[in-house]
N, C-alpha and C. Protein backbone atom coordinates (compact mmCIF):
# COMPACT_ATOMS: atom_id res chain seq x y z
N UNK A 1 -47.25 59.38 -64.43
CA UNK A 1 -46.20 59.78 -63.51
C UNK A 1 -46.51 59.26 -62.09
N UNK A 2 -47.77 59.35 -61.72
CA UNK A 2 -48.18 58.91 -60.37
C UNK A 2 -47.95 57.42 -60.20
N UNK A 3 -48.20 56.65 -61.25
CA UNK A 3 -48.03 55.20 -61.16
C UNK A 3 -46.55 54.86 -60.97
N UNK A 4 -45.65 55.58 -61.64
CA UNK A 4 -44.22 55.33 -61.53
C UNK A 4 -43.76 55.64 -60.10
N UNK A 5 -44.30 56.72 -59.51
CA UNK A 5 -43.93 57.06 -58.13
C UNK A 5 -44.41 55.97 -57.18
N UNK A 6 -45.60 55.45 -57.42
CA UNK A 6 -46.12 54.36 -56.58
C UNK A 6 -45.23 53.13 -56.69
N UNK A 7 -44.75 52.79 -57.88
CA UNK A 7 -43.88 51.64 -58.05
C UNK A 7 -42.54 51.86 -57.34
N UNK A 8 -42.01 53.04 -57.41
CA UNK A 8 -40.75 53.37 -56.69
C UNK A 8 -40.94 53.28 -55.20
N UNK A 9 -42.09 53.78 -54.68
CA UNK A 9 -42.34 53.69 -53.26
C UNK A 9 -42.45 52.24 -52.82
N UNK A 10 -43.11 51.44 -53.62
CA UNK A 10 -43.28 50.02 -53.30
C UNK A 10 -41.93 49.33 -53.26
N UNK A 11 -41.10 49.62 -54.30
CA UNK A 11 -39.78 48.99 -54.40
C UNK A 11 -38.90 49.41 -53.22
N UNK A 12 -38.97 50.68 -52.82
CA UNK A 12 -38.20 51.18 -51.72
C UNK A 12 -38.63 50.49 -50.42
N UNK A 13 -39.93 50.38 -50.23
CA UNK A 13 -40.50 49.75 -49.06
C UNK A 13 -40.06 48.25 -48.99
N UNK A 14 -40.14 47.60 -50.12
CA UNK A 14 -39.75 46.19 -50.18
C UNK A 14 -38.23 46.06 -49.87
N UNK A 15 -37.44 46.92 -50.44
CA UNK A 15 -36.02 46.88 -50.20
C UNK A 15 -35.69 47.12 -48.73
N UNK A 16 -36.40 48.03 -48.09
CA UNK A 16 -36.16 48.27 -46.68
C UNK A 16 -36.57 47.05 -45.83
N UNK A 17 -37.64 46.41 -46.18
CA UNK A 17 -38.04 45.20 -45.46
C UNK A 17 -37.03 44.10 -45.59
N UNK A 18 -36.49 43.94 -46.78
CA UNK A 18 -35.44 42.94 -47.01
C UNK A 18 -34.20 43.27 -46.21
N UNK A 19 -33.83 44.56 -46.15
CA UNK A 19 -32.66 44.98 -45.39
C UNK A 19 -32.86 44.69 -43.91
N UNK A 20 -34.09 44.94 -43.42
CA UNK A 20 -34.38 44.67 -42.00
C UNK A 20 -34.21 43.19 -41.70
N UNK A 21 -34.74 42.32 -42.54
CA UNK A 21 -34.61 40.88 -42.33
C UNK A 21 -33.15 40.45 -42.39
N UNK A 22 -32.39 41.00 -43.31
CA UNK A 22 -30.97 40.67 -43.41
C UNK A 22 -30.22 41.11 -42.16
N UNK A 23 -30.56 42.26 -41.66
CA UNK A 23 -29.90 42.78 -40.46
C UNK A 23 -30.25 41.94 -39.23
N UNK A 24 -31.51 41.53 -39.12
CA UNK A 24 -31.88 40.63 -38.01
C UNK A 24 -31.15 39.32 -38.08
N UNK A 25 -31.00 38.77 -39.31
CA UNK A 25 -30.27 37.51 -39.48
C UNK A 25 -28.82 37.71 -39.09
N UNK A 26 -28.22 38.81 -39.43
CA UNK A 26 -26.82 39.10 -39.08
C UNK A 26 -26.68 39.22 -37.55
N UNK A 27 -27.63 39.84 -36.88
CA UNK A 27 -27.60 39.93 -35.44
C UNK A 27 -27.67 38.58 -34.78
N UNK A 28 -28.54 37.73 -35.30
CA UNK A 28 -28.69 36.38 -34.71
C UNK A 28 -27.37 35.60 -34.94
N UNK A 29 -26.80 35.69 -36.10
CA UNK A 29 -25.53 34.98 -36.36
C UNK A 29 -24.41 35.48 -35.48
N UNK A 30 -24.34 36.79 -35.28
CA UNK A 30 -23.31 37.38 -34.41
C UNK A 30 -23.49 36.94 -32.99
N UNK A 31 -24.75 36.90 -32.50
CA UNK A 31 -25.03 36.44 -31.15
C UNK A 31 -24.64 34.98 -30.97
N UNK A 32 -24.90 34.16 -31.96
CA UNK A 32 -24.53 32.77 -31.89
C UNK A 32 -23.03 32.61 -31.82
N UNK A 33 -22.31 33.34 -32.65
CA UNK A 33 -20.84 33.25 -32.63
C UNK A 33 -20.30 33.77 -31.29
N UNK A 34 -20.89 34.80 -30.72
CA UNK A 34 -20.44 35.32 -29.42
C UNK A 34 -20.63 34.28 -28.34
N UNK A 35 -21.79 33.63 -28.34
CA UNK A 35 -22.04 32.62 -27.31
C UNK A 35 -21.07 31.44 -27.48
N UNK A 36 -20.78 31.06 -28.69
CA UNK A 36 -19.86 29.98 -28.97
C UNK A 36 -18.46 30.32 -28.42
N UNK A 37 -17.99 31.54 -28.68
CA UNK A 37 -16.69 31.98 -28.18
C UNK A 37 -16.63 32.05 -26.67
N UNK A 38 -17.70 32.52 -26.04
CA UNK A 38 -17.74 32.57 -24.58
C UNK A 38 -17.71 31.17 -24.02
N UNK A 39 -18.38 30.25 -24.67
CA UNK A 39 -18.37 28.84 -24.23
C UNK A 39 -16.95 28.25 -24.30
N UNK A 40 -16.23 28.59 -25.40
CA UNK A 40 -14.85 28.10 -25.55
C UNK A 40 -13.98 28.63 -24.44
N UNK A 41 -14.10 29.93 -24.12
CA UNK A 41 -13.30 30.53 -23.06
C UNK A 41 -13.63 29.87 -21.69
N UNK A 42 -14.87 29.68 -21.47
CA UNK A 42 -15.31 29.05 -20.22
C UNK A 42 -14.71 27.67 -20.10
N UNK A 43 -14.77 26.88 -21.14
CA UNK A 43 -14.21 25.52 -21.10
C UNK A 43 -12.69 25.58 -20.88
N UNK A 44 -12.01 26.54 -21.53
CA UNK A 44 -10.59 26.65 -21.37
C UNK A 44 -10.23 27.01 -19.93
N UNK A 45 -11.00 27.88 -19.31
CA UNK A 45 -10.78 28.24 -17.91
C UNK A 45 -10.97 27.02 -17.01
N UNK A 46 -12.02 26.26 -17.27
CA UNK A 46 -12.28 25.06 -16.49
C UNK A 46 -11.12 24.05 -16.62
N UNK A 47 -10.62 23.83 -17.85
CA UNK A 47 -9.50 22.92 -18.04
C UNK A 47 -8.27 23.42 -17.29
N UNK A 48 -8.02 24.70 -17.33
CA UNK A 48 -6.82 25.23 -16.65
C UNK A 48 -6.96 25.10 -15.16
N UNK A 49 -8.14 25.31 -14.56
CA UNK A 49 -8.32 25.16 -13.13
C UNK A 49 -8.20 23.71 -12.68
N UNK A 50 -8.48 22.74 -13.55
CA UNK A 50 -8.43 21.33 -13.13
C UNK A 50 -7.05 20.78 -13.16
N UNK A 51 -6.09 21.49 -13.76
CA UNK A 51 -4.69 20.96 -13.81
C UNK A 51 -4.01 21.06 -12.49
């Protein structure tokens, strides 16, 4: 019974580590998209001011 508990704890720990990595990747992707959108807006403002 103790061995099964140890396996479950290991699996839970591994799953949590995978979830952390996935969350960090999602944060990086969201930050990249945000910067890209801000850049688009900035360029649009510059084009409008130059007219």
